[in-house]
């Protein structure tokens, strides 16, 4: 198993930063589940959570009717 992981890690180093970040996030989630602990968001994730909560408080989300209209417009039949 060690060779598989070392080969994979070598290839991951060539991935774009965003893809590496996404993989690290998923790995942290898996690790937290395996340890029976609670997932702890990164500082960047906390900023995103706070931004989303602020948007919700300010009512900056689409209404149910707006969402239905978008789905009706783009849904494949």
PDB file of N, CA and C in Angstrom:
ATOM      1  N   UNK A   1       0.807  -1.195   0.000  1.00  0.00           N
ATOM      2  CA  UNK A   1       0.000   0.000   0.000  1.00  0.00           C
ATOM      3  C   UNK A   1       0.859   1.271   0.000  1.00  0.00           C
ATOM      4  N   UNK A   2       2.015   1.216   0.579  1.00  0.00           N
ATOM      5  CA  UNK A   2       2.874   2.385   0.668  1.00  0.00           C
ATOM      6  C   UNK A   2       3.256   2.924  -0.711  1.00  0.00           C
ATOM      7  N   UNK A   3       3.600   2.039  -1.645  1.00  0.00           N
ATOM      8  CA  UNK A   3       3.982   2.485  -2.988  1.00  0.00           C
ATOM      9  C   UNK A   3       2.809   3.152  -3.684  1.00  0.00           C
ATOM     10  N   UNK A   4       1.619   2.594  -3.518  1.00  0.00           N
ATOM     11  CA  UNK A   4       0.424   3.199  -4.135  1.00  0.00           C
ATOM     12  C   UNK A   4       0.268   4.635  -3.655  1.00  0.00           C
ATOM     13  N   UNK A   5       0.368   4.833  -2.338  1.00  0.00           N
ATOM     14  CA  UNK A   5       0.177   6.173  -1.784  1.00  0.00           C
ATOM     15  C   UNK A   5       1.305   7.121  -2.171  1.00  0.00           C
ATOM     16  N   UNK A   6       2.539   6.638  -2.168  1.00  0.00           N
ATOM     17  CA  UNK A   6       3.642   7.538  -2.529  1.00  0.00           C
ATOM     18  C   UNK A   6       3.526   7.959  -3.995  1.00  0.00           C
ATOM     19  N   UNK A   7       3.110   7.031  -4.867  1.00  0.00           N
ATOM     20  CA  UNK A   7       2.901   7.390  -6.275  1.00  0.00           C
ATOM     21  C   UNK A   7       1.776   8.407  -6.415  1.00  0.00           C
ATOM     22  N   UNK A   8       0.684   8.166  -5.691  1.00  0.00           N
ATOM     23  CA  UNK A   8      -0.450   9.083  -5.756  1.00  0.00           C
ATOM     24  C   UNK A   8      -0.074  10.462  -5.222  1.00  0.00           C
ATOM     25  N   UNK A   9       0.616  10.512  -4.107  1.00  0.00           N
ATOM     26  CA  UNK A   9       1.003  11.800  -3.525  1.00  0.00           C
ATOM     27  C   UNK A   9       1.911  12.589  -4.467  1.00  0.00           C
ATOM     28  N   UNK A  10       2.771  11.887  -5.180  1.00  0.00           N
ATOM     29  CA  UNK A  10       3.646  12.553  -6.151  1.00  0.00           C
ATOM     30  C   UNK A  10       2.803  13.217  -7.252  1.00  0.00           C
ATOM     31  N   UNK A  11       1.776  12.506  -7.715  1.00  0.00           N
ATOM     32  CA  UNK A  11       0.916  13.066  -8.767  1.00  0.00           C
ATOM     33  C   UNK A  11       0.071  14.222  -8.234  1.00  0.00           C
ATOM     34  N   UNK A  12      -0.390  14.101  -6.992  1.00  0.00           N
ATOM     35  CA  UNK A  12      -1.226  15.141  -6.389  1.00  0.00           C
ATOM     36  C   UNK A  12      -0.479  16.466  -6.333  1.00  0.00           C
ATOM     37  N   UNK A  13       0.821  16.415  -6.125  1.00  0.00           N
ATOM     38  CA  UNK A  13       1.614  17.644  -6.060  1.00  0.00           C
ATOM     39  C   UNK A  13       1.495  18.467  -7.342  1.00  0.00           C
ATOM     40  N   UNK A  14       1.164  17.821  -8.454  1.00  0.00           N
ATOM     41  CA  UNK A  14       1.027  18.522  -9.730  1.00  0.00           C
ATOM     42  C   UNK A  14      -0.389  19.038  -9.952  1.00  0.00           C
ATOM     43  N   UNK A  15      -1.321  18.660  -9.076  1.00  0.00           N
ATOM     44  CA  UNK A  15      -2.704  19.116  -9.214  1.00  0.00           C
ATOM     45  C   UNK A  15      -2.791  20.615  -8.945  1.00  0.00           C
ATOM     46  N   UNK A  16      -3.813  21.258  -9.486  1.00  0.00           N
ATOM     47  CA  UNK A  16      -4.051  22.675  -9.140  1.00  0.00           C
ATOM     48  C   UNK A  16      -4.330  22.798  -7.636  1.00  0.00           C
ATOM     49  N   UNK A  17      -4.009  23.953  -7.077  1.00  0.00           N
ATOM     50  CA  UNK A  17      -4.189  24.179  -5.648  1.00  0.00           C
ATOM     51  C   UNK A  17      -5.616  23.894  -5.193  1.00  0.00           C
ATOM     52  N   UNK A  18      -6.583  24.291  -5.992  1.00  0.00           N
ATOM     53  CA  UNK A  18      -7.982  24.098  -5.610  1.00  0.00           C
ATOM     54  C   UNK A  18      -8.313  22.609  -5.461  1.00  0.00           C
ATOM     55  N   UNK A  19      -7.806  21.785  -6.365  1.00  0.00           N
ATOM     56  CA  UNK A  19      -8.049  20.340  -6.299  1.00  0.00           C
ATOM     57  C   UNK A  19      -7.357  19.736  -5.077  1.00  0.00           C
ATOM     58  N   UNK A  20      -6.139  20.200  -4.772  1.00  0.00           N
ATOM     59  CA  UNK A  20      -5.433  19.716  -3.592  1.00  0.00           C
ATOM     60  C   UNK A  20      -6.196  20.084  -2.322  1.00  0.00           C
ATOM     61  N   UNK A  21      -6.724  21.302  -2.285  1.00  0.00           N
ATOM     62  CA  UNK A  21      -7.498  21.764  -1.127  1.00  0.00           C
ATOM     63  C   UNK A  21      -8.750  20.914  -0.946  1.00  0.00           C
ATOM     64  N   UNK A  22      -9.416  20.604  -2.045  1.00  0.00           N
ATOM     65  CA  UNK A  22     -10.626  19.787  -1.981  1.00  0.00           C
ATOM     66  C   UNK A  22     -10.311  18.390  -1.447  1.00  0.00           C
ATOM     67  N   UNK A  23      -9.222  17.802  -1.920  1.00  0.00           N
ATOM     68  CA  UNK A  23      -8.823  16.482  -1.443  1.00  0.00           C
ATOM     69  C   UNK A  23      -8.491  16.527   0.052  1.00  0.00           C
ATOM     70  N   UNK A  24      -7.798  17.563   0.478  1.00  0.00           N
ATOM     71  CA  UNK A  24      -7.447  17.690   1.900  1.00  0.00           C
ATOM     72  C   UNK A  24      -8.699  17.826   2.755  1.00  0.00           C
ATOM     73  N   UNK A  25      -9.685  18.551   2.276  1.00  0.00           N
ATOM     74  CA  UNK A  25     -10.933  18.720   3.015  1.00  0.00           C
ATOM     75  C   UNK A  25     -11.642  17.385   3.190  1.00  0.00           C
ATOM     76  N   UNK A  26     -11.735  16.629   2.120  1.00  0.00           N
ATOM     77  CA  UNK A  26     -12.385  15.316   2.190  1.00  0.00           C
ATOM     78  C   UNK A  26     -11.605  14.391   3.121  1.00  0.00           C
ATOM     79  N   UNK A  27     -10.291  14.412   3.043  1.00  0.00           N
ATOM     80  CA  UNK A  27      -9.464  13.554   3.898  1.00  0.00           C
ATOM     81  C   UNK A  27      -9.667  13.908   5.374  1.00  0.00           C
ATOM     82  N   UNK A  28      -9.759  15.207   5.685  1.00  0.00           N
ATOM     83  CA  UNK A  28     -10.001  15.623   7.074  1.00  0.00           C
ATOM     84  C   UNK A  28     -11.358  15.139   7.570  1.00  0.00           C
ATOM     85  N   UNK A  29     -12.365  15.190   6.699  1.00  0.00           N
ATOM     86  CA  UNK A  29     -13.699  14.717   7.077  1.00  0.00           C
ATOM     87  C   UNK A  29     -13.667  13.215   7.375  1.00  0.00           C
ATOM     88  N   UNK A  30     -12.999  12.452   6.518  1.00  0.00           N
ATOM     89  CA  UNK A  30     -12.895  11.004   6.722  1.00  0.00           C
ATOM     90  C   UNK A  30     -12.151  10.717   8.018  1.00  0.00           C
ATOM     91  N   UNK A  31     -11.069  11.424   8.239  1.00  0.00           N
ATOM     92  CA  UNK A  31     -10.277  11.215   9.450  1.00  0.00           C
ATOM     93  C   UNK A  31     -11.106  11.502  10.705  1.00  0.00           C
ATOM     94  N   UNK A  32     -11.879  12.567  10.694  1.00  0.00           N
ATOM     95  CA  UNK A  32     -12.715  12.907  11.848  1.00  0.00           C
ATOM     96  C   UNK A  32     -13.739  11.810  12.104  1.00  0.00           C
ATOM     97  N   UNK A  33     -14.332  11.272  11.046  1.00  0.00           N
ATOM     98  CA  UNK A  33     -15.302  10.185  11.207  1.00  0.00           C
ATOM     99  C   UNK A  33     -14.638   8.940  11.784  1.00  0.00           C
ATOM    100  N   UNK A  34     -13.449   8.613  11.291  1.00  0.00           N
ATOM    101  CA  UNK A  34     -12.750   7.418  11.764  1.00  0.00           C
ATOM    102  C   UNK A  34     -12.343   7.536  13.226  1.00  0.00           C
ATOM    103  N   UNK A  35     -12.055   8.752  13.662  1.00  0.00           N
ATOM    104  CA  UNK A  35     -11.643   8.971  15.041  1.00  0.00           C
ATOM    105  C   UNK A  35     -12.840   9.166  15.964  1.00  0.00           C
ATOM    106  N   UNK A  36     -14.039   9.127  15.375  1.00  0.00           N
ATOM    107  CA  UNK A  36     -15.228   9.297  16.190  1.00  0.00           C
ATOM    108  C   UNK A  36     -15.386  10.704  16.724  1.00  0.00           C
ATOM    109  N   UNK A  37     -14.640  11.616  16.156  1.00  0.00           N
ATOM    110  CA  UNK A  37     -14.681  12.994  16.622  1.00  0.00           C
ATOM    111  C   UNK A  37     -15.578  13.858  15.777  1.00  0.00           C
ATOM    112  N   UNK A  38     -15.504  15.105  16.044  1.00  0.00           N
ATOM    113  CA  UNK A  38     -16.281  16.098  15.322  1.00  0.00           C
ATOM    114  C   UNK A  38     -15.378  16.790  14.314  1.00  0.00           C
ATOM    115  N   UNK A  39     -15.898  16.983  13.105  1.00  0.00           N
ATOM    116  CA  UNK A  39     -15.127  17.696  12.089  1.00  0.00           C
ATOM    117  C   UNK A  39     -14.961  19.146  12.506  1.00  0.00           C
ATOM    118  N   UNK A  40     -13.767  19.646  12.420  1.00  0.00           N
ATOM    119  CA  UNK A  40     -13.494  21.042  12.764  1.00  0.00           C
ATOM    120  C   UNK A  40     -13.153  21.786  11.480  1.00  0.00           C
ATOM    121  N   UNK A  41     -14.010  22.738  11.105  1.00  0.00           N
ATOM    122  CA  UNK A  41     -13.754  23.467   9.860  1.00  0.00           C
ATOM    123  C   UNK A  41     -12.482  24.291   9.937  1.00  0.00           C
ATOM    124  N   UNK A  42     -11.887  24.500   8.777  1.00  0.00           N
ATOM    125  CA  UNK A  42     -10.692  25.340   8.676  1.00  0.00           C
ATOM    126  C   UNK A  42     -11.116  26.793   8.835  1.00  0.00           C
ATOM    127  N   UNK A  43     -10.156  27.692   9.096  1.00  0.00           N
ATOM    128  CA  UNK A  43     -10.498  29.118   9.173  1.00  0.00           C
ATOM    129  C   UNK A  43     -11.176  29.627   7.898  1.00  0.00           C
ATOM    130  N   UNK A  44     -10.722  29.145   6.732  1.00  0.00           N
ATOM    131  CA  UNK A  44     -11.343  29.564   5.469  1.00  0.00           C
ATOM    132  C   UNK A  44     -12.802  29.099   5.399  1.00  0.00           C
ATOM    133  N   UNK A  45     -13.044  27.860   5.854  1.00  0.00           N
ATOM    134  CA  UNK A  45     -14.414  27.344   5.850  1.00  0.00           C
ATOM    135  C   UNK A  45     -15.296  28.135   6.811  1.00  0.00           C
ATOM    136  N   UNK A  46     -14.737  28.518   7.962  1.00  0.00           N
ATOM    137  CA  UNK A  46     -15.506  29.312   8.925  1.00  0.00           C
ATOM    138  C   UNK A  46     -15.905  30.658   8.332  1.00  0.00           C
ATOM    139  N   UNK A  47     -15.008  31.258   7.554  1.00  0.00           N
ATOM    140  CA  UNK A  47     -15.337  32.518   6.881  1.00  0.00           C
ATOM    141  C   UNK A  47     -16.511  32.302   5.932  1.00  0.00           C
ATOM    142  N   UNK A  48     -16.479  31.220   5.166  1.00  0.00           N
ATOM    143  CA  UNK A  48     -17.572  30.908   4.245  1.00  0.00           C
ATOM    144  C   UNK A  48     -18.881  30.653   4.974  1.00  0.00           C
ATOM    145  N   UNK A  49     -18.811  29.953   6.099  1.00  0.00           N
ATOM    146  CA  UNK A  49     -20.007  29.688   6.897  1.00  0.00           C
ATOM    147  C   UNK A  49     -20.591  30.997   7.410  1.00  0.00           C
ATOM    148  N   UNK A  50     -19.719  31.853   7.951  1.00  0.00           N
ATOM    149  CA  UNK A  50     -20.189  33.152   8.451  1.00  0.00           C
ATOM    150  C   UNK A  50     -20.812  33.982   7.333  1.00  0.00           C
ATOM    151  N   UNK A  51     -20.198  33.947   6.144  1.00  0.00           N
ATOM    152  CA  UNK A  51     -20.734  34.696   5.007  1.00  0.00           C
ATOM    153  C   UNK A  51     -22.121  34.173   4.638  1.00  0.00           C
ATOM    154  N   UNK A  52     -22.274  32.848   4.607  1.00  0.00           N
ATOM    155  CA  UNK A  52     -23.566  32.255   4.285  1.00  0.00           C
ATOM    156  C   UNK A  52     -24.627  32.590   5.315  1.00  0.00           C
ATOM    157  N   UNK A  53     -24.260  32.545   6.594  1.00  0.00           N
ATOM    158  CA  UNK A  53     -25.217  32.899   7.642  1.00  0.00           C
ATOM    159  C   UNK A  53     -25.614  34.373   7.548  1.00  0.00           C
ATOM    160  N   UNK A  54     -24.631  35.227   7.234  1.00  0.00           N
ATOM    161  CA  UNK A  54     -24.935  36.651   7.048  1.00  0.00           C
ATOM    162  C   UNK A  54     -25.881  36.866   5.879  1.00  0.00           C
ATOM    163  N   UNK A  55     -25.653  36.156   4.781  1.00  0.00           N
ATOM    164  CA  UNK A  55     -26.543  36.257   3.621  1.00  0.00           C
ATOM    165  C   UNK A  55     -27.954  35.795   3.982  1.00  0.00           C
ATOM    166  N   UNK A  56     -28.032  34.720   4.759  1.00  0.00           N
ATOM    167  CA  UNK A  56     -29.351  34.222   5.165  1.00  0.00           C
ATOM    168  C   UNK A  56     -30.062  35.247   6.042  1.00  0.00           C
ATOM    169  N   UNK A  57     -29.335  35.821   6.982  1.00  0.00           N
ATOM    170  CA  UNK A  57     -29.929  36.840   7.858  1.00  0.00           C
ATOM    171  C   UNK A  57     -30.401  38.058   7.076  1.00  0.00           C
ATOM    172  N   UNK A  58     -29.676  38.391   6.004  1.00  0.00           N
ATOM    173  CA  UNK A  58     -30.019  39.557   5.192  1.00  0.00           C
ATOM    174  C   UNK A  58     -31.047  39.224   4.111  1.00  0.00           C
ATOM    175  N   UNK A  59     -31.456  37.958   4.038  1.00  0.00           N
ATOM    176  CA  UNK A  59     -32.452  37.562   3.053  1.00  0.00           C
ATOM    177  C   UNK A  59     -31.925  37.526   1.632  1.00  0.00           C
ATOM    178  N   UNK A  60     -30.625  37.274   1.465  1.00  0.00           N
ATOM    179  CA  UNK A  60     -30.022  37.289   0.134  1.00  0.00           C
ATOM    180  C   UNK A  60     -30.016  35.912  -0.526  1.00  0.00           C
ATOM    181  N   UNK A  61     -31.060  35.149  -0.318  1.00  0.00           N
ATOM    182  CA  UNK A  61     -31.194  33.859  -0.989  1.00  0.00           C
ATOM    183  C   UNK A  61     -32.413  33.896  -1.885  1.00  0.00           C
ATOM    184  N   UNK A  62     -32.403  33.051  -2.884  1.00  0.00           N
ATOM    185  CA  UNK A  62     -33.530  32.989  -3.816  1.00  0.00           C
ATOM    186  C   UNK A  62     -34.754  32.416  -3.090  1.00  0.00           C
ATOM    187  N   UNK A  63     -35.908  32.917  -3.469  1.00  0.00           N
ATOM    188  CA  UNK A  63     -37.149  32.396  -2.897  1.00  0.00           C
ATOM    189  C   UNK A  63     -37.459  31.031  -3.506  1.00  0.00           C
ATOM    190  N   UNK A  64     -38.393  30.310  -2.897  1.00  0.00           N
ATOM    191  CA  UNK A  64     -38.795  29.015  -3.445  1.00  0.00           C
ATOM    192  C   UNK A  64     -39.317  29.170  -4.871  1.00  0.00           C
ATOM    193  N   UNK A  65     -40.062  30.223  -5.105  1.00  0.00           N
ATOM    194  CA  UNK A  65     -40.618  30.459  -6.441  1.00  0.00           C
ATOM    195  C   UNK A  65     -39.506  30.724  -7.466  1.00  0.00           C
ATOM    196  N   UNK A  66     -38.492  31.489  -7.078  1.00  0.00           N
ATOM    197  CA  UNK A  66     -37.362  31.735  -7.981  1.00  0.00           C
ATOM    198  C   UNK A  66     -36.621  30.440  -8.302  1.00  0.00           C
ATOM    199  N   UNK A  67     -36.456  29.594  -7.321  1.00  0.00           N
ATOM    200  CA  UNK A  67     -35.786  28.304  -7.536  1.00  0.00           C
ATOM    201  C   UNK A  67     -36.610  27.432  -8.483  1.00  0.00           C
ATOM    202  N   UNK A  68     -37.919  27.375  -8.263  1.00  0.00           N
ATOM    203  CA  UNK A  68     -38.785  26.587  -9.153  1.00  0.00           C
ATOM    204  C   UNK A  68     -38.691  27.102 -10.589  1.00  0.00           C
ATOM    205  N   UNK A  69     -38.651  28.422 -10.765  1.00  0.00           N
ATOM    206  CA  UNK A  69     -38.570  29.006 -12.109  1.00  0.00           C
ATOM    207  C   UNK A  69     -37.254  28.611 -12.799  1.00  0.00           C
ATOM    208  N   UNK A  70     -36.163  28.615 -12.055  1.00  0.00           N
ATOM    209  CA  UNK A  70     -34.866  28.226 -12.622  1.00  0.00           C
ATOM    210  C   UNK A  70     -34.884  26.753 -13.022  1.00  0.00           C
ATOM    211  N   UNK A  71     -35.415  25.886 -12.133  1.00  0.00           N
ATOM    212  CA  UNK A  71     -35.483  24.469 -12.475  1.00  0.00           C
ATOM    213  C   UNK A  71     -36.371  24.252 -13.694  1.00  0.00           C
ATOM    214  N   UNK A  72     -37.496  24.967 -13.761  1.00  0.00           N
ATOM    215  CA  UNK A  72     -38.393  24.811 -14.903  1.00  0.00           C
ATOM    216  C   UNK A  72     -37.704  25.245 -16.201  1.00  0.00           C
ATOM    217  N   UNK A  73     -36.894  26.262 -16.118  1.00  0.00           N
ATOM    218  CA  UNK A  73     -36.217  26.780 -17.315  1.00  0.00           C
ATOM    219  C   UNK A  73     -35.127  25.833 -17.818  1.00  0.00           C
ATOM    220  N   UNK A  74     -34.385  25.205 -16.887  1.00  0.00           N
ATOM    221  CA  UNK A  74     -33.207  24.439 -17.293  1.00  0.00           C
ATOM    222  C   UNK A  74     -33.349  22.926 -17.123  1.00  0.00           C
ATOM    223  N   UNK A  75     -34.445  22.460 -16.585  1.00  0.00           N
ATOM    224  CA  UNK A  75     -34.618  21.020 -16.376  1.00  0.00           C
ATOM    225  C   UNK A  75     -34.718  20.308 -17.716  1.00  0.00           C
ATOM    226  N   UNK A  76     -33.997  19.199 -17.811  1.00  0.00           N
ATOM    227  CA  UNK A  76     -34.057  18.389 -19.037  1.00  0.00           C
ATOM    228  C   UNK A  76     -35.293  17.520 -18.976  1.00  0.00           C
ATOM    229  N   UNK A  77     -35.979  17.414 -20.095  1.00  0.00           N
ATOM    230  CA  UNK A  77     -37.203  16.623 -20.149  1.00  0.00           C
ATOM    231  C   UNK A  77     -36.906  15.234 -20.625  1.00  0.00           C
TER     232      UNK A  77
END
